[in-house]
C-alpha atoms as a PDB file:
ATOM      1  CA  UNK A   1      11.081  14.935   8.807  1.00  0.00           C
ATOM      2  CA  UNK A   2       9.365  11.733   8.556  1.00  0.00           C
ATOM      3  CA  UNK A   3       9.710   8.585   6.228  1.00  0.00           C
ATOM      4  CA  UNK A   4       7.119   7.292   3.824  1.00  0.00           C
ATOM      5  CA  UNK A   5       6.672   3.779   2.097  1.00  0.00           C
ATOM      6  CA  UNK A   6       4.273   4.294  -0.787  1.00  0.00           C
ATOM      7  CA  UNK A   7       2.206   1.243  -2.606  1.00  0.00           C
ATOM      8  CA  UNK A   8       0.142   0.869  -5.749  1.00  0.00           C
ATOM      9  CA  UNK A   9      -1.592  -2.293  -6.464  1.00  0.00           C
ATOM     10  CA  UNK A  10      -4.564  -3.391  -8.802  1.00  0.00           C
ATOM     11  CA  UNK A  11      -7.420  -5.391  -6.895  1.00  0.00           C
ATOM     12  CA  UNK A  12     -10.252  -7.207  -8.584  1.00  0.00           C
ATOM     13  CA  UNK A  13     -13.394  -5.611  -8.099  1.00  0.00           C
ATOM     14  CA  UNK A  14     -14.806  -8.691  -6.540  1.00  0.00           C
ATOM     15  CA  UNK A  15     -11.979  -8.903  -4.003  1.00  0.00           C
ATOM     16  CA  UNK A  16     -12.218  -5.166  -2.900  1.00  0.00           C
ATOM     17  CA  UNK A  17     -14.038  -5.728   0.359  1.00  0.00           C
ATOM     18  CA  UNK A  18     -11.673  -8.631   1.207  1.00  0.00           C
ATOM     19  CA  UNK A  19      -8.888  -6.171   0.490  1.00  0.00           C
ATOM     20  CA  UNK A  20     -10.478  -3.515   2.536  1.00  0.00           C
ATOM     21  CA  UNK A  21     -10.558  -6.183   5.688  1.00  0.00           C
ATOM     22  CA  UNK A  22      -6.962  -6.944   5.057  1.00  0.00           C
ATOM     23  CA  UNK A  23      -5.916  -3.057   5.058  1.00  0.00           C
ATOM     24  CA  UNK A  24      -7.880  -2.234   8.017  1.00  0.00           C
ATOM     25  CA  UNK A  25      -6.050  -5.597   9.995  1.00  0.00           C
ATOM     26  CA  UNK A  26      -2.793  -4.603   8.261  1.00  0.00           C
ATOM     27  CA  UNK A  27      -3.112  -1.002   9.101  1.00  0.00           C
ATOM     28  CA  UNK A  28      -3.610  -1.753  12.899  1.00  0.00           C
ATOM     29  CA  UNK A  29      -0.538  -4.090  13.133  1.00  0.00           C
ATOM     30  CA  UNK A  30       1.621  -1.529  11.216  1.00  0.00           C
ATOM     31  CA  UNK A  31       0.692   1.186  13.885  1.00  0.00           C
ATOM     32  CA  UNK A  32       0.844  -1.331  16.797  1.00  0.00           C
ATOM     33  CA  UNK A  33       4.557  -1.886  15.567  1.00  0.00           C
ATOM     34  CA  UNK A  34       5.320   1.911  15.034  1.00  0.00           C
ATOM     35  CA  UNK A  35       3.937   3.357  12.001  1.00  0.00           C
ATOM     36  CA  UNK A  36       2.397   7.024  12.537  1.00  0.00           C
ATOM     37  CA  UNK A  37      -0.387   6.784   9.930  1.00  0.00           C
ATOM     38  CA  UNK A  38      -1.483   4.524   7.234  1.00  0.00           C
ATOM     39  CA  UNK A  39      -3.736   5.963   4.393  1.00  0.00           C
ATOM     40  CA  UNK A  40      -5.505   3.470   1.836  1.00  0.00           C
ATOM     41  CA  UNK A  41      -6.998   5.023  -1.443  1.00  0.00           C
ATOM     42  CA  UNK A  42      -9.119   3.321  -3.943  1.00  0.00           C
ATOM     43  CA  UNK A  43      -9.112   4.553  -7.815  1.00  0.00           C
ATOM     44  CA  UNK A  44     -11.793   6.932  -8.298  1.00  0.00           C
ATOM     45  CA  UNK A  45     -10.473   8.957 -11.316  1.00  0.00           C
ATOM     46  CA  UNK A  46      -7.615   7.064 -12.407  1.00  0.00           C
ATOM     47  CA  UNK A  47      -7.536   7.223 -16.452  1.00  0.00           C
ATOM     48  CA  UNK A  48      -5.534   4.690 -18.671  1.00  0.00           C
ATOM     49  CA  UNK A  49      -2.725   6.708 -20.031  1.00  0.00           C
ATOM     50  CA  UNK A  50      -1.445   6.633 -23.639  1.00  0.00           C
ATOM     51  CA  UNK A  51       2.067   6.180 -22.318  1.00  0.00           C
ATOM     52  CA  UNK A  52       1.918   5.999 -18.490  1.00  0.00           C
ATOM     53  CA  UNK A  53      -0.604   6.015 -15.620  1.00  0.00           C
ATOM     54  CA  UNK A  54      -1.426   4.116 -12.446  1.00  0.00           C
ATOM     55  CA  UNK A  55      -3.329   1.407 -14.359  1.00  0.00           C
ATOM     56  CA  UNK A  56      -0.643   0.779 -16.795  1.00  0.00           C
ATOM     57  CA  UNK A  57       2.287   0.787 -14.038  1.00  0.00           C
ATOM     58  CA  UNK A  58       0.426  -2.040 -12.474  1.00  0.00           C
ATOM     59  CA  UNK A  59      -0.987  -3.581 -15.408  1.00  0.00           C
ATOM     60  CA  UNK A  60      -4.329  -3.058 -14.421  1.00  0.00           C
ATOM     61  CA  UNK A  61      -7.055  -5.079 -16.114  1.00  0.00           C
ATOM     62  CA  UNK A  62     -10.670  -3.875 -16.793  1.00  0.00           C
ATOM     63  CA  UNK A  63     -12.263  -5.668 -13.686  1.00  0.00           C
ATOM     64  CA  UNK A  64      -9.674  -4.290 -11.346  1.00  0.00           C
ATOM     65  CA  UNK A  65      -9.351  -1.143  -9.485  1.00  0.00           C
ATOM     66  CA  UNK A  66      -5.909   0.698  -8.549  1.00  0.00           C
ATOM     67  CA  UNK A  67      -5.333   1.065  -4.838  1.00  0.00           C
ATOM     68  CA  UNK A  68      -2.810   3.710  -3.795  1.00  0.00           C
ATOM     69  CA  UNK A  69      -1.731   3.905  -0.527  1.00  0.00           C
ATOM     70  CA  UNK A  70       1.050   4.917   1.978  1.00  0.00           C
ATOM     71  CA  UNK A  71       2.510   4.469   5.641  1.00  0.00           C
ATOM     72  CA  UNK A  72       4.180   7.188   7.323  1.00  0.00           C
ATOM     73  CA  UNK A  73       6.943   6.577   9.787  1.00  0.00           C
ATOM     74  CA  UNK A  74       9.023   9.044  12.122  1.00  0.00           C
ATOM     75  CA  UNK A  75      12.175   8.162  10.243  1.00  0.00           C
ATOM     76  CA  UNK A  76      13.863   5.497   8.003  1.00  0.00           C
ATOM     77  CA  UNK A  77      15.316   3.515  10.967  1.00  0.00           C
ATOM     78  CA  UNK A  78      11.662   3.454  12.458  1.00  0.00           C
ATOM     79  CA  UNK A  79      10.365   2.163   9.028  1.00  0.00           C
ATOM     80  CA  UNK A  80      13.088  -0.573   8.825  1.00  0.00           C
ATOM     81  CA  UNK A  81      12.332  -1.564  12.249  1.00  0.00           C
ATOM     82  CA  UNK A  82       8.500  -1.741  11.792  1.00  0.00           C
ATOM     83  CA  UNK A  83       8.803  -3.340   8.610  1.00  0.00           C
ATOM     84  CA  UNK A  84      10.882  -5.980   9.777  1.00  0.00           C
ATOM     85  CA  UNK A  85       8.282  -6.701  12.762  1.00  0.00           C
ATOM     86  CA  UNK A  86       5.335  -6.509  10.222  1.00  0.00           C
ATOM     87  CA  UNK A  87       6.842  -9.037   8.024  1.00  0.00           C
ATOM     88  CA  UNK A  88       7.410 -11.398  10.758  1.00  0.00           C
ATOM     89  CA  UNK A  89       3.876 -10.880  12.371  1.00  0.00           C
ATOM     90  CA  UNK A  90       1.834 -14.088  11.944  1.00  0.00           C
ATOM     91  CA  UNK A  91      -1.343 -12.346  11.652  1.00  0.00           C
ATOM     92  CA  UNK A  92      -0.708 -11.111   8.146  1.00  0.00           C
ATOM     93  CA  UNK A  93       0.324 -14.826   6.679  1.00  0.00           C
ATOM     94  CA  UNK A  94      -1.952 -16.106   4.221  1.00  0.00           C
ATOM     95  CA  UNK A  95      -3.409 -15.444   0.792  1.00  0.00           C
ATOM     96  CA  UNK A  96      -3.698 -11.836  -0.137  1.00  0.00           C
ATOM     97  CA  UNK A  97      -6.535 -10.747  -2.278  1.00  0.00           C
ATOM     98  CA  UNK A  98      -4.230  -9.132  -4.752  1.00  0.00           C
ATOM     99  CA  UNK A  99      -1.560 -10.118  -7.260  1.00  0.00           C
ATOM    100  CA  UNK A 100       1.648  -9.161  -5.107  1.00  0.00           C
ATOM    101  CA  UNK A 101       3.823  -9.389  -8.441  1.00  0.00           C
ATOM    102  CA  UNK A 102       2.108  -6.147  -9.814  1.00  0.00           C
ATOM    103  CA  UNK A 103       2.501  -4.103  -6.711  1.00  0.00           C
ATOM    104  CA  UNK A 104       4.780  -1.097  -6.899  1.00  0.00           C
ATOM    105  CA  UNK A 105       6.064  -0.007  -3.666  1.00  0.00           C
ATOM    106  CA  UNK A 106       8.985   2.098  -2.494  1.00  0.00           C
ATOM    107  CA  UNK A 107      10.531   4.123   0.561  1.00  0.00           C
ATOM    108  CA  UNK A 108      10.412   7.952   0.060  1.00  0.00           C
ATOM    109  CA  UNK A 109      12.251  11.072   2.131  1.00  0.00           C
ATOM    110  CA  UNK A 110       9.721  13.828   2.018  1.00  0.00           C
ATOM    111  CA  UNK A 111      11.394  16.859   1.190  1.00  0.00           C
ATOM    112  CA  UNK A 112       8.195  18.898   1.865  1.00  0.00           C
ATOM    113  CA  UNK A 113       5.440  18.843   4.152  1.00  0.00           C
ATOM    114  CA  UNK A 114       2.651  21.642   4.411  1.00  0.00           C
END
């Protein structure tokens, strides 16, 4: 079975194109270093819930859209090795078009793939 890193972040609507450019670049780098797949999604039908929701989770503001993305690896060991290489890659250094402090992320072991 594979291993998946998931991410949820808020991005200002006026920075979505900058985010897309960064995501394309980062996706190429992740794949170059060993990721099997990279998926980026822009919130389209993401209601603000009364108790919980994607927007609440990342404290999204009215002028922000929620991004949901994931990276697939062959295994946890591959994820750990790939992540170390990606974090050290100088091509991803610099300002990010989002507030990284409001990013939610984590690693997951799939239990069902259909």
